[in-house]
C-alpha atoms as a PDB file:
ATOM      1  CA  MET A   1      14.068   3.070 -19.962  1.00  0.00           C
ATOM      2  CA  SER A   2      14.893   1.372 -22.440  1.00  0.00           C
ATOM      3  CA  GLU A   3      19.318   1.526 -21.730  1.00  0.00           C
ATOM      4  CA  GLY A   4      18.653   0.635 -18.136  1.00  0.00           C
ATOM      5  CA  SER A   5      19.411  -3.251 -19.183  1.00  0.00           C
ATOM      6  CA  LYS A   6      22.300  -2.338 -20.426  1.00  0.00           C
ATOM      7  CA  ASN A   7      25.722  -3.184 -18.997  1.00  0.00           C
ATOM      8  CA  GLY A   8      24.292  -5.020 -16.072  1.00  0.00           C
ATOM      9  CA  GLY A   9      21.631  -3.214 -15.526  1.00  0.00           C
ATOM     10  CA  LYS A  10      23.637  -0.284 -13.567  1.00  0.00           C
ATOM     11  CA  LEU A  11      21.687   2.421 -14.880  1.00  0.00           C
ATOM     12  CA  GLY A  12      18.263   0.877 -14.094  1.00  0.00           C
ATOM     13  CA  LYS A  13      20.091   0.174 -10.306  1.00  0.00           C
ATOM     14  CA  THR A  14      21.442   3.505 -10.148  1.00  0.00           C
ATOM     15  CA  PHE A  15      18.211   5.346 -11.356  1.00  0.00           C
ATOM     16  CA  LEU A  16      16.835   2.314  -8.462  1.00  0.00           C
ATOM     17  CA  ASP A  17      18.730   3.956  -6.178  1.00  0.00           C
ATOM     18  CA  GLN A  18      18.564   7.412  -6.273  1.00  0.00           C
ATOM     19  CA  ILE A  19      14.499   6.079  -5.954  1.00  0.00           C
ATOM     20  CA  LEU A  20      15.194   4.169  -2.621  1.00  0.00           C
ATOM     21  CA  LYS A  21      16.718   7.181  -1.419  1.00  0.00           C
ATOM     22  CA  LYS A  22      14.172   9.500  -2.346  1.00  0.00           C
ATOM     23  CA  ILE A  23      10.808   7.329  -0.863  1.00  0.00           C
ATOM     24  CA  ASP A  24      13.693   7.170   2.702  1.00  0.00           C
ATOM     25  CA  LEU A  25      14.302  10.160   2.721  1.00  0.00           C
ATOM     26  CA  VAL A  26      11.005  11.514   1.907  1.00  0.00           C
ATOM     27  CA  LEU A  27       9.807   9.584   5.334  1.00  0.00           C
ATOM     28  CA  ILE A  28      13.127  10.338   7.474  1.00  0.00           C
ATOM     29  CA  ASN A  29      11.821  13.878   6.794  1.00  0.00           C
ATOM     30  CA  PHE A  30       8.328  13.305   7.588  1.00  0.00           C
ATOM     31  CA  PHE A  31       9.597  11.050  10.814  1.00  0.00           C
ATOM     32  CA  GLU A  32      11.773  13.683  12.179  1.00  0.00           C
ATOM     33  CA  ARG A  33       8.728  16.459  12.025  1.00  0.00           C
ATOM     34  CA  ASP A  34       8.469  18.114  15.790  1.00  0.00           C
ATOM     35  CA  GLU A  35       4.822  16.591  16.135  1.00  0.00           C
ATOM     36  CA  VAL A  36       5.360  13.637  14.536  1.00  0.00           C
ATOM     37  CA  LYS A  37       8.928  12.855  16.301  1.00  0.00           C
ATOM     38  CA  ALA A  38       7.299  14.090  20.379  1.00  0.00           C
ATOM     39  CA  LYS A  39       4.798  10.799  19.200  1.00  0.00           C
ATOM     40  CA  PHE A  40       7.546   8.618  19.664  1.00  0.00           C
ATOM     41  CA  ASP A  41       9.484   6.758  21.833  1.00  0.00           C
ATOM     42  CA  PRO A  42      13.197   8.601  21.737  1.00  0.00           C
ATOM     43  CA  LYS A  43      15.602   5.159  21.887  1.00  0.00           C
ATOM     44  CA  PHE A  44      14.397   5.205  17.872  1.00  0.00           C
ATOM     45  CA  SER A  45      15.410   7.485  15.250  1.00  0.00           C
ATOM     46  CA  ALA A  46      13.880   8.922  12.732  1.00  0.00           C
ATOM     47  CA  LYS A  47      15.720   6.952  10.183  1.00  0.00           C
ATOM     48  CA  PHE A  48      15.415   3.526  12.072  1.00  0.00           C
ATOM     49  CA  ALA A  49      11.564   4.487  12.909  1.00  0.00           C
ATOM     50  CA  ALA A  50      11.223   5.411   8.187  1.00  0.00           C
ATOM     51  CA  LYS A  51      12.828   2.232   7.496  1.00  0.00           C
ATOM     52  CA  TYR A  52      11.858  -0.564   9.986  1.00  0.00           C
ATOM     53  CA  PHE A  53       8.317   0.967   7.942  1.00  0.00           C
ATOM     54  CA  ILE A  54       9.754   0.328   4.945  1.00  0.00           C
ATOM     55  CA  GLN A  55       9.983  -3.045   5.277  1.00  0.00           C
ATOM     56  CA  SER A  56       6.554  -3.851   6.638  1.00  0.00           C
ATOM     57  CA  VAL A  57       5.521  -2.191   3.130  1.00  0.00           C
ATOM     58  CA  ILE A  58       7.676  -4.375   1.140  1.00  0.00           C
ATOM     59  CA  GLY A  59       8.528  -7.044   3.207  1.00  0.00           C
ATOM     60  CA  ALA A  60       6.124  -9.597   2.576  1.00  0.00           C
ATOM     61  CA  TYR A  61       5.661  -9.289  -1.392  1.00  0.00           C
ATOM     62  CA  TYR A  62       9.190  -8.267  -1.996  1.00  0.00           C
ATOM     63  CA  TYR A  63      10.590 -11.945  -0.499  1.00  0.00           C
ATOM     64  CA  ASP A  64       7.959 -15.061  -1.276  1.00  0.00           C
ATOM     65  CA  SER A  65       8.905 -13.087  -4.740  1.00  0.00           C
ATOM     66  CA  LEU A  66      12.124 -14.182  -4.476  1.00  0.00           C
ATOM     67  CA  LEU A  67      11.678 -17.783  -2.924  1.00  0.00           C
ATOM     68  CA  ILE A  68       8.979 -17.757  -5.956  1.00  0.00           C
ATOM     69  CA  ASN A  69      10.476 -15.364  -8.779  1.00  0.00           C
ATOM     70  CA  GLU A  70       7.274 -14.489  -9.486  1.00  0.00           C
ATOM     71  CA  GLU A  71       5.353 -10.397  -9.215  1.00  0.00           C
ATOM     72  CA  PRO A  72       2.827 -10.204  -6.278  1.00  0.00           C
ATOM     73  CA  LYS A  73      -0.704  -9.600  -7.894  1.00  0.00           C
ATOM     74  CA  LEU A  74      -2.185  -7.047  -5.744  1.00  0.00           C
ATOM     75  CA  SER A  75      -4.660  -4.900  -6.995  1.00  0.00           C
ATOM     76  CA  GLU A  76      -4.864  -1.620  -5.793  1.00  0.00           C
ATOM     77  CA  LYS A  77      -7.478  -1.659  -3.906  1.00  0.00           C
ATOM     78  CA  GLU A  78      -5.911  -4.290  -1.913  1.00  0.00           C
ATOM     79  CA  ARG A  79      -1.988  -2.558  -2.202  1.00  0.00           C
ATOM     80  CA  LYS A  80      -4.448   0.257  -0.237  1.00  0.00           C
ATOM     81  CA  LYS A  81      -5.793  -2.345   2.434  1.00  0.00           C
ATOM     82  CA  HIS A  82      -1.816  -3.589   2.783  1.00  0.00           C
ATOM     83  CA  VAL A  83      -0.354  -0.158   2.846  1.00  0.00           C
ATOM     84  CA  GLY A  84      -3.113   0.969   5.576  1.00  0.00           C
ATOM     85  CA  LEU A  85      -2.989  -2.600   7.511  1.00  0.00           C
ATOM     86  CA  CYS A  86       0.389  -1.393   7.630  1.00  0.00           C
ATOM     87  CA  VAL A  87       0.303   1.667   8.689  1.00  0.00           C
ATOM     88  CA  GLU A  88      -2.328   1.038  11.634  1.00  0.00           C
ATOM     89  CA  LEU A  89       0.323  -1.604  13.064  1.00  0.00           C
ATOM     90  CA  PHE A  90       3.270   0.441  12.858  1.00  0.00           C
ATOM     91  CA  LEU A  91       1.653   3.825  15.098  1.00  0.00           C
ATOM     92  CA  ASN A  92      -0.676   1.454  16.757  1.00  0.00           C
ATOM     93  CA  GLY A  93       0.822  -2.098  17.611  1.00  0.00           C
ATOM     94  CA  ILE A  94      -1.322  -5.850  17.114  1.00  0.00           C
ATOM     95  CA  SER A  95      -3.853  -4.775  20.545  1.00  0.00           C
ATOM     96  CA  LYS A  96      -7.150  -3.742  20.131  1.00  0.00           C
ATOM     97  CA  LYS A  97      -7.799  -0.782  21.633  1.00  0.00           C
END
């Protein structure tokens, strides 16, 4: 890990890119499962769904951290609640049931 910041952070960026690609693949594979795919509108590809879901989870805190140059400080309970709300919104929309 101590080598990650050397050479302009190229090694660290490589590891990060590999991790993000793995997350993308896990989500894409999930959305391509027949039982999951059957629940979604066919105009949305599995890749689009995966990318959109990831953006909904990290978006608010990531962009705020870029603007104020500060890491988001969320407790484990707050993170679980945030991800849970993102999953619910993604799957069910914002309308009341």
